Amino acid sequence: MTLKEFKEMLEQTKLPVTYYEFENKVPPLPFLVYFETETDNFAADGIVYHEVKRIAVELYIKKRDFTLEQSIEALFYQNGIFWQKSFQYLDDEKCYFILYEMEI
């Protein structure tokens, strides 16, 4: 899956989506930010045989919405993506930060 295809998948949530950061005005909550954190490529015969991108998807939301979280996770599941999830409350921003980490 390419980053373009990954973004198109995230856009199915109907939330504002951007790579790394919003360039101009940040939209109202909720929104998604995604970015590549590193690669973990598979080598064969001294070359990259299969590229694996490690991706972070950040969901910023005013209060926990488990239905929204489940719909995002369903997209990952439908596309064969295994993810790890963590979350915390950001006191300064007065919102929740939900982090999904995965490989594509």
PDB file of N, CA and C in Angstrom:
ATOM      1  N   MET A   1       0.847  -1.176   0.000  1.00  0.00           N
ATOM      2  CA  MET A   1       0.000   0.000   0.000  1.00  0.00           C
ATOM      3  C   MET A   1       0.896   1.243   0.000  1.00  0.00           C
ATOM      4  N   THR A   2       0.604   2.157  -0.887  1.00  0.00           N
ATOM      5  CA  THR A   2       1.355   3.407  -0.947  1.00  0.00           C
ATOM      6  C   THR A   2       0.794   4.402   0.073  1.00  0.00           C
ATOM      7  N   LEU A   3       1.549   5.467   0.341  1.00  0.00           N
ATOM      8  CA  LEU A   3       1.054   6.506   1.242  1.00  0.00           C
ATOM      9  C   LEU A   3      -0.192   7.174   0.672  1.00  0.00           C
ATOM     10  N   LYS A   4      -0.243   7.314  -0.657  1.00  0.00           N
ATOM     11  CA  LYS A   4      -1.426   7.900  -1.295  1.00  0.00           C
ATOM     12  C   LYS A   4      -2.643   7.013  -1.048  1.00  0.00           C
ATOM     13  N   GLU A   5      -2.499   5.717  -1.236  1.00  0.00           N
ATOM     14  CA  GLU A   5      -3.599   4.780  -0.992  1.00  0.00           C
ATOM     15  C   GLU A   5      -3.995   4.775   0.484  1.00  0.00           C
ATOM     16  N   PHE A   6      -2.983   4.903   1.352  1.00  0.00           N
ATOM     17  CA  PHE A   6      -3.253   4.938   2.783  1.00  0.00           C
ATOM     18  C   PHE A   6      -4.080   6.172   3.139  1.00  0.00           C
ATOM     19  N   LYS A   7      -3.715   7.319   2.568  1.00  0.00           N
ATOM     20  CA  LYS A   7      -4.477   8.546   2.817  1.00  0.00           C
ATOM     21  C   LYS A   7      -5.916   8.386   2.313  1.00  0.00           C
ATOM     22  N   GLU A   8      -6.071   7.810   1.124  1.00  0.00           N
ATOM     23  CA  GLU A   8      -7.414   7.600   0.576  1.00  0.00           C
ATOM     24  C   GLU A   8      -8.247   6.711   1.497  1.00  0.00           C
ATOM     25  N   MET A   9      -7.605   5.724   2.115  1.00  0.00           N
ATOM     26  CA  MET A   9      -8.305   4.863   3.060  1.00  0.00           C
ATOM     27  C   MET A   9      -8.762   5.691   4.264  1.00  0.00           C
ATOM     28  N   LEU A  10      -7.868   6.521   4.815  1.00  0.00           N
ATOM     29  CA  LEU A  10      -8.223   7.347   5.976  1.00  0.00           C
ATOM     30  C   LEU A  10      -9.321   8.355   5.647  1.00  0.00           C
ATOM     31  N   GLU A  11      -9.341   8.843   4.417  1.00  0.00           N
ATOM     32  CA  GLU A  11     -10.357   9.813   4.014  1.00  0.00           C
ATOM     33  C   GLU A  11     -11.764   9.217   4.024  1.00  0.00           C
ATOM     34  N   GLN A  12     -11.863   7.891   4.016  1.00  0.00           N
ATOM     35  CA  GLN A  12     -13.172   7.241   4.098  1.00  0.00           C
ATOM     36  C   GLN A  12     -13.857   7.520   5.432  1.00  0.00           C
ATOM     37  N   THR A  13     -13.107   7.982   6.431  1.00  0.00           N
ATOM     38  CA  THR A  13     -13.686   8.329   7.729  1.00  0.00           C
ATOM     39  C   THR A  13     -14.491   9.625   7.659  1.00  0.00           C
ATOM     40  N   LYS A  14     -14.300  10.403   6.587  1.00  0.00           N
ATOM     41  CA  LYS A  14     -14.932  11.718   6.413  1.00  0.00           C
ATOM     42  C   LYS A  14     -14.384  12.764   7.384  1.00  0.00           C
ATOM     43  N   LEU A  15     -13.272  12.448   8.067  1.00  0.00           N
ATOM     44  CA  LEU A  15     -12.600  13.414   8.940  1.00  0.00           C
ATOM     45  C   LEU A  15     -11.542  14.161   8.140  1.00  0.00           C
ATOM     46  N   PRO A  16     -11.178  15.382   8.554  1.00  0.00           N
ATOM     47  CA  PRO A  16     -10.029  16.032   7.932  1.00  0.00           C
ATOM     48  C   PRO A  16      -8.781  15.169   8.161  1.00  0.00           C
ATOM     49  N   VAL A  17      -7.979  14.988   7.106  1.00  0.00           N
ATOM     50  CA  VAL A  17      -6.788  14.138   7.153  1.00  0.00           C
ATOM     51  C   VAL A  17      -5.630  14.899   6.549  1.00  0.00           C
ATOM     52  N   THR A  18      -4.464  14.815   7.191  1.00  0.00           N
ATOM     53  CA  THR A  18      -3.273  15.421   6.611  1.00  0.00           C
ATOM     54  C   THR A  18      -2.045  14.578   6.922  1.00  0.00           C
ATOM     55  N   TYR A  19      -1.016  14.754   6.082  1.00  0.00           N
ATOM     56  CA  TYR A  19       0.271  14.116   6.340  1.00  0.00           C
ATOM     57  C   TYR A  19       1.099  15.059   7.209  1.00  0.00           C
ATOM     58  N   TYR A  20       1.467  14.634   8.360  1.00  0.00           N
ATOM     59  CA  TYR A  20       2.342  15.271   9.330  1.00  0.00           C
ATOM     60  C   TYR A  20       1.754  16.487  10.037  1.00  0.00           C
ATOM     61  N   GLU A  21       1.292  17.495   9.298  1.00  0.00           N
ATOM     62  CA  GLU A  21       0.689  18.659   9.945  1.00  0.00           C
ATOM     63  C   GLU A  21      -0.165  19.427   8.953  1.00  0.00           C
ATOM     64  N   PHE A  22      -1.132  20.147   9.473  1.00  0.00           N
ATOM     65  CA  PHE A  22      -1.947  20.998   8.622  1.00  0.00           C
ATOM     66  C   PHE A  22      -1.137  22.246   8.291  1.00  0.00           C
ATOM     67  N   GLU A  23      -1.087  22.609   7.024  1.00  0.00           N
ATOM     68  CA  GLU A  23      -0.245  23.723   6.590  1.00  0.00           C
ATOM     69  C   GLU A  23      -0.784  25.077   7.012  1.00  0.00           C
ATOM     70  N   ASN A  24      -2.066  25.247   6.969  1.00  0.00           N
ATOM     71  CA  ASN A  24      -2.654  26.542   7.296  1.00  0.00           C
ATOM     72  C   ASN A  24      -3.396  26.438   8.625  1.00  0.00           C
ATOM     73  N   LYS A  25      -4.666  26.630   8.578  1.00  0.00           N
ATOM     74  CA  LYS A  25      -5.487  26.586   9.780  1.00  0.00           C
ATOM     75  C   LYS A  25      -5.819  25.141  10.163  1.00  0.00           C
ATOM     76  N   VAL A  26      -5.661  24.846  11.431  1.00  0.00           N
ATOM     77  CA  VAL A  26      -6.015  23.519  11.930  1.00  0.00           C
ATOM     78  C   VAL A  26      -7.542  23.431  11.999  1.00  0.00           C
ATOM     79  N   PRO A  27      -8.129  22.368  11.442  1.00  0.00           N
ATOM     80  CA  PRO A  27      -9.598  22.242  11.464  1.00  0.00           C
ATOM     81  C   PRO A  27     -10.096  21.943  12.874  1.00  0.00           C
ATOM     82  N   PRO A  28     -11.391  22.115  13.079  1.00  0.00           N
ATOM     83  CA  PRO A  28     -11.944  21.743  14.383  1.00  0.00           C
ATOM     84  C   PRO A  28     -11.845  20.239  14.613  1.00  0.00           C
ATOM     85  N   LEU A  29     -11.836  19.853  15.874  1.00  0.00           N
ATOM     86  CA  LEU A  29     -11.782  18.441  16.233  1.00  0.00           C
ATOM     87  C   LEU A  29     -13.084  17.758  15.818  1.00  0.00           C
ATOM     88  N   PRO A  30     -13.030  16.485  15.482  1.00  0.00           N
ATOM     89  CA  PRO A  30     -11.884  15.588  15.405  1.00  0.00           C
ATOM     90  C   PRO A  30     -11.187  15.666  14.051  1.00  0.00           C
ATOM     91  N   PHE A  31      -9.910  15.259  14.037  1.00  0.00           N
ATOM     92  CA  PHE A  31      -9.166  15.155  12.785  1.00  0.00           C
ATOM     93  C   PHE A  31      -8.070  14.110  12.931  1.00  0.00           C
ATOM     94  N   LEU A  32      -7.521  13.703  11.773  1.00  0.00           N
ATOM     95  CA  LEU A  32      -6.470  12.680  11.721  1.00  0.00           C
ATOM     96  C   LEU A  32      -5.191  13.263  11.133  1.00  0.00           C
ATOM     97  N   VAL A  33      -4.065  12.873  11.719  1.00  0.00           N
ATOM     98  CA  VAL A  33      -2.741  13.202  11.196  1.00  0.00           C
ATOM     99  C   VAL A  33      -2.005  11.874  11.044  1.00  0.00           C
ATOM    100  N   TYR A  34      -1.365  11.673   9.901  1.00  0.00           N
ATOM    101  CA  TYR A  34      -0.597  10.442   9.703  1.00  0.00           C
ATOM    102  C   TYR A  34       0.785  10.798   9.179  1.00  0.00           C
ATOM    103  N   PHE A  35       1.755   9.931   9.452  1.00  0.00           N
ATOM    104  CA  PHE A  35       3.110  10.153   8.955  1.00  0.00           C
ATOM    105  C   PHE A  35       3.927   8.868   9.084  1.00  0.00           C
ATOM    106  N   GLU A  36       4.963   8.828   8.298  1.00  0.00           N
ATOM    107  CA  GLU A  36       5.896   7.712   8.292  1.00  0.00           C
ATOM    108  C   GLU A  36       6.906   7.941   9.413  1.00  0.00           C
ATOM    109  N   THR A  37       7.122   6.943  10.277  1.00  0.00           N
ATOM    110  CA  THR A  37       8.081   7.097  11.366  1.00  0.00           C
ATOM    111  C   THR A  37       9.443   6.488  11.041  1.00  0.00           C
ATOM    112  N   GLU A  38       9.447   5.416  10.255  1.00  0.00           N
ATOM    113  CA  GLU A  38      10.688   4.765   9.838  1.00  0.00           C
ATOM    114  C   GLU A  38      10.337   3.647   8.861  1.00  0.00           C
ATOM    115  N   THR A  39      11.350   2.987   8.347  1.00  0.00           N
ATOM    116  CA  THR A  39      11.110   1.816   7.507  1.00  0.00           C
ATOM    117  C   THR A  39      11.759   0.606   8.157  1.00  0.00           C
ATOM    118  N   ASP A  40      11.264  -0.555   7.815  1.00  0.00           N
ATOM    119  CA  ASP A  40      11.805  -1.830   8.290  1.00  0.00           C
ATOM    120  C   ASP A  40      11.794  -2.764   7.086  1.00  0.00           C
ATOM    121  N   ASN A  41      12.665  -2.448   6.132  1.00  0.00           N
ATOM    122  CA  ASN A  41      12.656  -3.126   4.840  1.00  0.00           C
ATOM    123  C   ASN A  41      13.215  -4.545   4.926  1.00  0.00           C
ATOM    124  N   PHE A  42      12.753  -5.366   3.993  1.00  0.00           N
ATOM    125  CA  PHE A  42      13.220  -6.739   3.856  1.00  0.00           C
ATOM    126  C   PHE A  42      14.210  -6.787   2.701  1.00  0.00           C
ATOM    127  N   ALA A  43      15.390  -7.329   2.956  1.00  0.00           N
ATOM    128  CA  ALA A  43      16.438  -7.374   1.936  1.00  0.00           C
ATOM    129  C   ALA A  43      16.579  -8.781   1.364  1.00  0.00           C
ATOM    130  N   ALA A  44      16.945  -8.826   0.094  1.00  0.00           N
ATOM    131  CA  ALA A  44      17.275 -10.081  -0.577  1.00  0.00           C
ATOM    132  C   ALA A  44      18.299  -9.774  -1.655  1.00  0.00           C
ATOM    133  N   ASP A  45      19.331 -10.559  -1.709  1.00  0.00           N
ATOM    134  CA  ASP A  45      20.403 -10.380  -2.702  1.00  0.00           C
ATOM    135  C   ASP A  45      20.995  -8.972  -2.648  1.00  0.00           C
ATOM    136  N   GLY A  46      21.103  -8.428  -1.450  1.00  0.00           N
ATOM    137  CA  GLY A  46      21.767  -7.140  -1.271  1.00  0.00           C
ATOM    138  C   GLY A  46      20.948  -5.928  -1.684  1.00  0.00           C
ATOM    139  N   ILE A  47      19.657  -6.116  -1.932  1.00  0.00           N
ATOM    140  CA  ILE A  47      18.801  -4.974  -2.293  1.00  0.00           C
ATOM    141  C   ILE A  47      17.516  -5.020  -1.461  1.00  0.00           C
ATOM    142  N   VAL A  48      16.798  -3.919  -1.467  1.00  0.00           N
ATOM    143  CA  VAL A  48      15.505  -3.897  -0.794  1.00  0.00           C
ATOM    144  C   VAL A  48      14.531  -4.713  -1.639  1.00  0.00           C
ATOM    145  N   TYR A  49      14.121  -5.826  -1.098  1.00  0.00           N
ATOM    146  CA  TYR A  49      13.202  -6.717  -1.800  1.00  0.00           C
ATOM    147  C   TYR A  49      11.760  -6.305  -1.550  1.00  0.00           C
ATOM    148  N   HIS A  50      11.500  -5.891  -0.301  1.00  0.00           N
ATOM    149  CA  HIS A  50      10.147  -5.476   0.058  1.00  0.00           C
ATOM    150  C   HIS A  50      10.247  -4.315   1.050  1.00  0.00           C
ATOM    151  N   GLU A  51       9.639  -3.191   0.692  1.00  0.00           N
ATOM    152  CA  GLU A  51       9.674  -2.010   1.550  1.00  0.00           C
ATOM    153  C   GLU A  51       8.521  -2.054   2.546  1.00  0.00           C
ATOM    154  N   VAL A  52       8.843  -1.823   3.808  1.00  0.00           N
ATOM    155  CA  VAL A  52       7.841  -1.785   4.870  1.00  0.00           C
ATOM    156  C   VAL A  52       7.943  -0.436   5.561  1.00  0.00           C
ATOM    157  N   LYS A  53       6.854   0.307   5.533  1.00  0.00           N
ATOM    158  CA  LYS A  53       6.815   1.618   6.172  1.00  0.00           C
ATOM    159  C   LYS A  53       6.124   1.490   7.528  1.00  0.00           C
ATOM    160  N   ARG A  54       6.724   2.067   8.540  1.00  0.00           N
ATOM    161  CA  ARG A  54       6.051   2.164   9.833  1.00  0.00           C
ATOM    162  C   ARG A  54       5.323   3.499   9.856  1.00  0.00           C
ATOM    163  N   ILE A  55       4.038   3.437  10.172  1.00  0.00           N
ATOM    164  CA  ILE A  55       3.156   4.593  10.089  1.00  0.00           C
ATOM    165  C   ILE A  55       2.532   4.867  11.454  1.00  0.00           C
ATOM    166  N   ALA A  56       2.402   6.148  11.756  1.00  0.00           N
ATOM    167  CA  ALA A  56       1.653   6.585  12.929  1.00  0.00           C
ATOM    168  C   ALA A  56       0.424   7.340  12.439  1.00  0.00           C
ATOM    169  N   VAL A  57      -0.709   7.042  13.039  1.00  0.00           N
ATOM    170  CA  VAL A  57      -1.949   7.769  12.770  1.00  0.00           C
ATOM    171  C   VAL A  57      -2.398   8.341  14.107  1.00  0.00           C
ATOM    172  N   GLU A  58      -2.569   9.657  14.141  1.00  0.00           N
ATOM    173  CA  GLU A  58      -2.981  10.333  15.360  1.00  0.00           C
ATOM    174  C   GLU A  58      -4.403  10.853  15.193  1.00  0.00           C
ATOM    175  N   LEU A  59      -5.261  10.470  16.092  1.00  0.00           N
ATOM    176  CA  LEU A  59      -6.638  10.963  16.131  1.00  0.00           C
ATOM    177  C   LEU A  59      -6.726  11.950  17.279  1.00  0.00           C
ATOM    178  N   TYR A  60      -7.106  13.178  16.968  1.00  0.00           N
ATOM    179  CA  TYR A  60      -7.326  14.206  17.984  1.00  0.00           C
ATOM    180  C   TYR A  60      -8.831  14.405  18.100  1.00  0.00           C
ATOM    181  N   ILE A  61      -9.328  14.304  19.323  1.00  0.00           N
ATOM    182  CA  ILE A  61     -10.771  14.315  19.532  1.00  0.00           C
ATOM    183  C   ILE A  61     -11.083  14.935  20.902  1.00  0.00           C
ATOM    184  N   LYS A  62     -12.172  15.661  20.970  1.00  0.00           N
ATOM    185  CA  LYS A  62     -12.537  16.379  22.199  1.00  0.00           C
ATOM    186  C   LYS A  62     -12.829  15.412  23.348  1.00  0.00           C
ATOM    187  N   LYS A  63     -13.644  14.405  23.080  1.00  0.00           N
ATOM    188  CA  LYS A  63     -13.910  13.367  24.079  1.00  0.00           C
ATOM    189  C   LYS A  63     -13.932  12.022  23.375  1.00  0.00           C
ATOM    190  N   ARG A  64     -13.700  10.968  24.137  1.00  0.00           N
ATOM    191  CA  ARG A  64     -13.617   9.640  23.537  1.00  0.00           C
ATOM    192  C   ARG A  64     -14.919   9.303  22.836  1.00  0.00           C
ATOM    193  N   ASP A  65     -14.790   8.865  21.592  1.00  0.00           N
ATOM    194  CA  ASP A  65     -15.924   8.434  20.778  1.00  0.00           C
ATOM    195  C   ASP A  65     -15.602   7.018  20.311  1.00  0.00           C
ATOM    196  N   PHE A  66     -16.065   6.050  21.064  1.00  0.00           N
ATOM    197  CA  PHE A  66     -15.707   4.661  20.788  1.00  0.00           C
ATOM    198  C   PHE A  66     -16.265   4.171  19.459  1.00  0.00           C
ATOM    199  N   THR A  67     -17.384   4.717  19.036  1.00  0.00           N
ATOM    200  CA  THR A  67     -17.939   4.351  17.727  1.00  0.00           C
ATOM    201  C   THR A  67     -17.009   4.824  16.620  1.00  0.00           C
ATOM    202  N   LEU A  68     -16.501   6.050  16.728  1.00  0.00           N
ATOM    203  CA  LEU A  68     -15.552   6.566  15.740  1.00  0.00           C
ATOM    204  C   LEU A  68     -14.271   5.746  15.752  1.00  0.00           C
ATOM    205  N   GLU A  69     -13.754   5.455  16.923  1.00  0.00           N
ATOM    206  CA  GLU A  69     -12.535   4.650  17.027  1.00  0.00           C
ATOM    207  C   GLU A  69     -12.741   3.283  16.379  1.00  0.00           C
ATOM    208  N   GLN A  70     -13.879   2.668  16.624  1.00  0.00           N
ATOM    209  CA  GLN A  70     -14.165   1.354  16.039  1.00  0.00           C
ATOM    210  C   GLN A  70     -14.282   1.433  14.525  1.00  0.00           C
ATOM    211  N   SER A  71     -14.822   2.540  13.992  1.00  0.00           N
ATOM    212  CA  SER A  71     -14.929   2.666  12.536  1.00  0.00           C
ATOM    213  C   SER A  71     -13.550   2.833  11.902  1.00  0.00           C
ATOM    214  N   ILE A  72     -12.657   3.548  12.573  1.00  0.00           N
ATOM    215  CA  ILE A  72     -11.280   3.676  12.079  1.00  0.00           C
ATOM    216  C   ILE A  72     -10.590   2.313  12.126  1.00  0.00           C
ATOM    217  N   GLU A  73     -10.748   1.617  13.226  1.00  0.00           N
ATOM    218  CA  GLU A  73     -10.132   0.296  13.370  1.00  0.00           C
ATOM    219  C   GLU A  73     -10.705  -0.704  12.368  1.00  0.00           C
ATOM    220  N   ALA A  74     -11.974  -0.562  12.032  1.00  0.00           N
ATOM    221  CA  ALA A  74     -12.583  -1.436  11.020  1.00  0.00           C
ATOM    222  C   ALA A  74     -11.934  -1.218   9.659  1.00  0.00           C
ATOM    223  N   LEU A  75     -11.594   0.039   9.347  1.00  0.00           N
ATOM    224  CA  LEU A  75     -10.879   0.314   8.085  1.00  0.00           C
ATOM    225  C   LEU A  75      -9.541  -0.407   8.048  1.00  0.00           C
ATOM    226  N   PHE A  76      -8.819  -0.353   9.164  1.00  0.00           N
ATOM    227  CA  PHE A  76      -7.532  -1.059   9.228  1.00  0.00           C
ATOM    228  C   PHE A  76      -7.748  -2.558   9.023  1.00  0.00           C
ATOM    229  N   TYR A  77      -8.721  -3.091   9.724  1.00  0.00           N
ATOM    230  CA  TYR A  77      -9.018  -4.515   9.638  1.00  0.00           C
ATOM    231  C   TYR A  77      -9.387  -4.914   8.204  1.00  0.00           C
ATOM    232  N   GLN A  78     -10.258  -4.140   7.564  1.00  0.00           N
ATOM    233  CA  GLN A  78     -10.706  -4.438   6.200  1.00  0.00           C
ATOM    234  C   GLN A  78      -9.554  -4.402   5.200  1.00  0.00           C
ATOM    235  N   ASN A  79      -8.520  -3.628   5.509  1.00  0.00           N
ATOM    236  CA  ASN A  79      -7.374  -3.512   4.614  1.00  0.00           C
ATOM    237  C   ASN A  79      -6.194  -4.375   5.057  1.00  0.00           C
ATOM    238  N   GLY A  80      -6.431  -5.290   5.990  1.00  0.00           N
ATOM    239  CA  GLY A  80      -5.403  -6.234   6.418  1.00  0.00           C
ATOM    240  C   GLY A  80      -4.261  -5.584   7.189  1.00  0.00           C
ATOM    241  N   ILE A  81      -4.548  -4.511   7.910  1.00  0.00           N
ATOM    242  CA  ILE A  81      -3.511  -3.784   8.641  1.00  0.00           C
ATOM    243  C   ILE A  81      -3.623  -4.105  10.127  1.00  0.00           C
ATOM    244  N   PHE A  82      -2.533  -4.585  10.699  1.00  0.00           N
ATOM    245  CA  PHE A  82      -2.444  -4.843  12.132  1.00  0.00           C
ATOM    246  C   PHE A  82      -1.967  -3.567  12.801  1.00  0.00           C
ATOM    247  N   TRP A  83      -2.604  -3.163  13.882  1.00  0.00           N
ATOM    248  CA  TRP A  83      -2.242  -1.918  14.539  1.00  0.00           C
ATOM    249  C   TRP A  83      -2.104  -2.106  16.045  1.00  0.00           C
ATOM    250  N   GLN A  84      -1.396  -1.179  16.648  1.00  0.00           N
ATOM    251  CA  GLN A  84      -1.320  -1.038  18.100  1.00  0.00           C
ATOM    252  C   GLN A  84      -1.929   0.312  18.440  1.00  0.00           C
ATOM    253  N   LYS A  85      -2.574   0.410  19.594  1.00  0.00           N
ATOM    254  CA  LYS A  85      -3.283   1.636  19.949  1.00  0.00           C
ATOM    255  C   LYS A  85      -2.883   2.081  21.352  1.00  0.00           C
ATOM    256  N   SER A  86      -2.681   3.384  21.498  1.00  0.00           N
ATOM    257  CA  SER A  86      -2.481   3.972  22.818  1.00  0.00           C
ATOM    258  C   SER A  86      -3.200   5.307  22.838  1.00  0.00           C
ATOM    259  N   PHE A  87      -3.440   5.840  24.025  1.00  0.00           N
ATOM    260  CA  PHE A  87      -4.145   7.117  24.103  1.00  0.00           C
ATOM    261  C   PHE A  87      -3.769   7.844  25.381  1.00  0.00           C
ATOM    262  N   GLN A  88      -3.976   9.145  25.340  1.00  0.00           N
ATOM    263  CA  GLN A  88      -3.762   9.975  26.521  1.00  0.00           C
ATOM    264  C   GLN A  88      -4.564  11.260  26.378  1.00  0.00           C
ATOM    265  N   TYR A  89      -4.779  11.921  27.493  1.00  0.00           N
ATOM    266  CA  TYR A  89      -5.463  13.207  27.481  1.00  0.00           C
ATOM    267  C   TYR A  89      -4.402  14.295  27.487  1.00  0.00           C
ATOM    268  N   LEU A  90      -4.529  15.268  26.573  1.00  0.00           N
ATOM    269  CA  LEU A  90      -3.591  16.382  26.489  1.00  0.00           C
ATOM    270  C   LEU A  90      -4.186  17.570  27.240  1.00  0.00           C
ATOM    271  N   ASP A  91      -3.700  17.814  28.439  1.00  0.00           N
ATOM    272  CA  ASP A  91      -4.240  18.886  29.274  1.00  0.00           C
ATOM    273  C   ASP A  91      -4.154  20.246  28.598  1.00  0.00           C
ATOM    274  N   ASP A  92      -3.011  20.550  27.981  1.00  0.00           N
ATOM    275  CA  ASP A  92      -2.828  21.866  27.350  1.00  0.00           C
ATOM    276  C   ASP A  92      -3.805  22.093  26.206  1.00  0.00           C
ATOM    277  N   GLU A  93      -4.103  21.032  25.463  1.00  0.00           N
ATOM    278  CA  GLU A  93      -4.982  21.142  24.297  1.00  0.00           C
ATOM    279  C   GLU A  93      -6.445  20.853  24.633  1.00  0.00           C
ATOM    280  N   LYS A  94      -6.677  20.289  25.813  1.00  0.00           N
ATOM    281  CA  LYS A  94      -8.029  19.914  26.241  1.00  0.00           C
ATOM    282  C   LYS A  94      -8.692  18.954  25.256  1.00  0.00           C
ATOM    283  N   CYS A  95      -7.915  17.930  24.862  1.00  0.00           N
ATOM    284  CA  CYS A  95      -8.440  16.917  23.949  1.00  0.00           C
ATOM    285  C   CYS A  95      -7.711  15.600  24.172  1.00  0.00           C
ATOM    286  N   TYR A  96      -8.263  14.546  23.589  1.00  0.00           N
ATOM    287  CA  TYR A  96      -7.623  13.242  23.622  1.00  0.00           C
ATOM    288  C   TYR A  96      -6.758  13.063  22.383  1.00  0.00           C
ATOM    289  N   PHE A  97      -5.676  12.353  22.586  1.00  0.00           N
ATOM    290  CA  PHE A  97      -4.733  12.004  21.529  1.00  0.00           C
ATOM    291  C   PHE A  97      -4.709  10.484  21.485  1.00  0.00           C
ATOM    292  N   ILE A  98      -5.204   9.924  20.386  1.00  0.00           N
ATOM    293  CA  ILE A  98      -5.231   8.476  20.222  1.00  0.00           C
ATOM    294  C   ILE A  98      -4.259   8.120  19.120  1.00  0.00           C
ATOM    295  N   LEU A  99      -3.292   7.291  19.456  1.00  0.00           N
ATOM    296  CA  LEU A  99      -2.214   6.928  18.535  1.00  0.00           C
ATOM    297  C   LEU A  99      -2.388   5.504  18.058  1.00  0.00           C
ATOM    298  N   TYR A 100      -2.412   5.344  16.734  1.00  0.00           N
ATOM    299  CA  TYR A 100      -2.385   4.028  16.107  1.00  0.00           C
ATOM    300  C   TYR A 100      -1.027   3.886  15.429  1.00  0.00           C
ATOM    301  N   GLU A 101      -0.355   2.774  15.690  1.00  0.00           N
ATOM    302  CA  GLU A 101       0.932   2.482  15.049  1.00  0.00           C
ATOM    303  C   GLU A 101       0.804   1.190  14.271  1.00  0.00           C
ATOM    304  N   MET A 102       1.373   1.194  13.053  1.00  0.00           N
ATOM    305  CA  MET A 102       1.215   0.048  12.162  1.00  0.00           C
ATOM    306  C   MET A 102       2.323   0.020  11.114  1.00  0.00           C
ATOM    307  N   GLU A 103       2.351  -1.037  10.336  1.00  0.00           N
ATOM    308  CA  GLU A 103       3.253  -1.161   9.188  1.00  0.00           C
ATOM    309  C   GLU A 103       2.414  -1.368   7.933  1.00  0.00           C
ATOM    310  N   ILE A 104       2.843  -0.718   6.870  1.00  0.00           N
ATOM    311  CA  ILE A 104       2.190  -0.946   5.582  1.00  0.00           C
ATOM    312  C   ILE A 104       3.242  -1.273   4.540  1.00  0.00           C
TER     313      ILE A 104
END
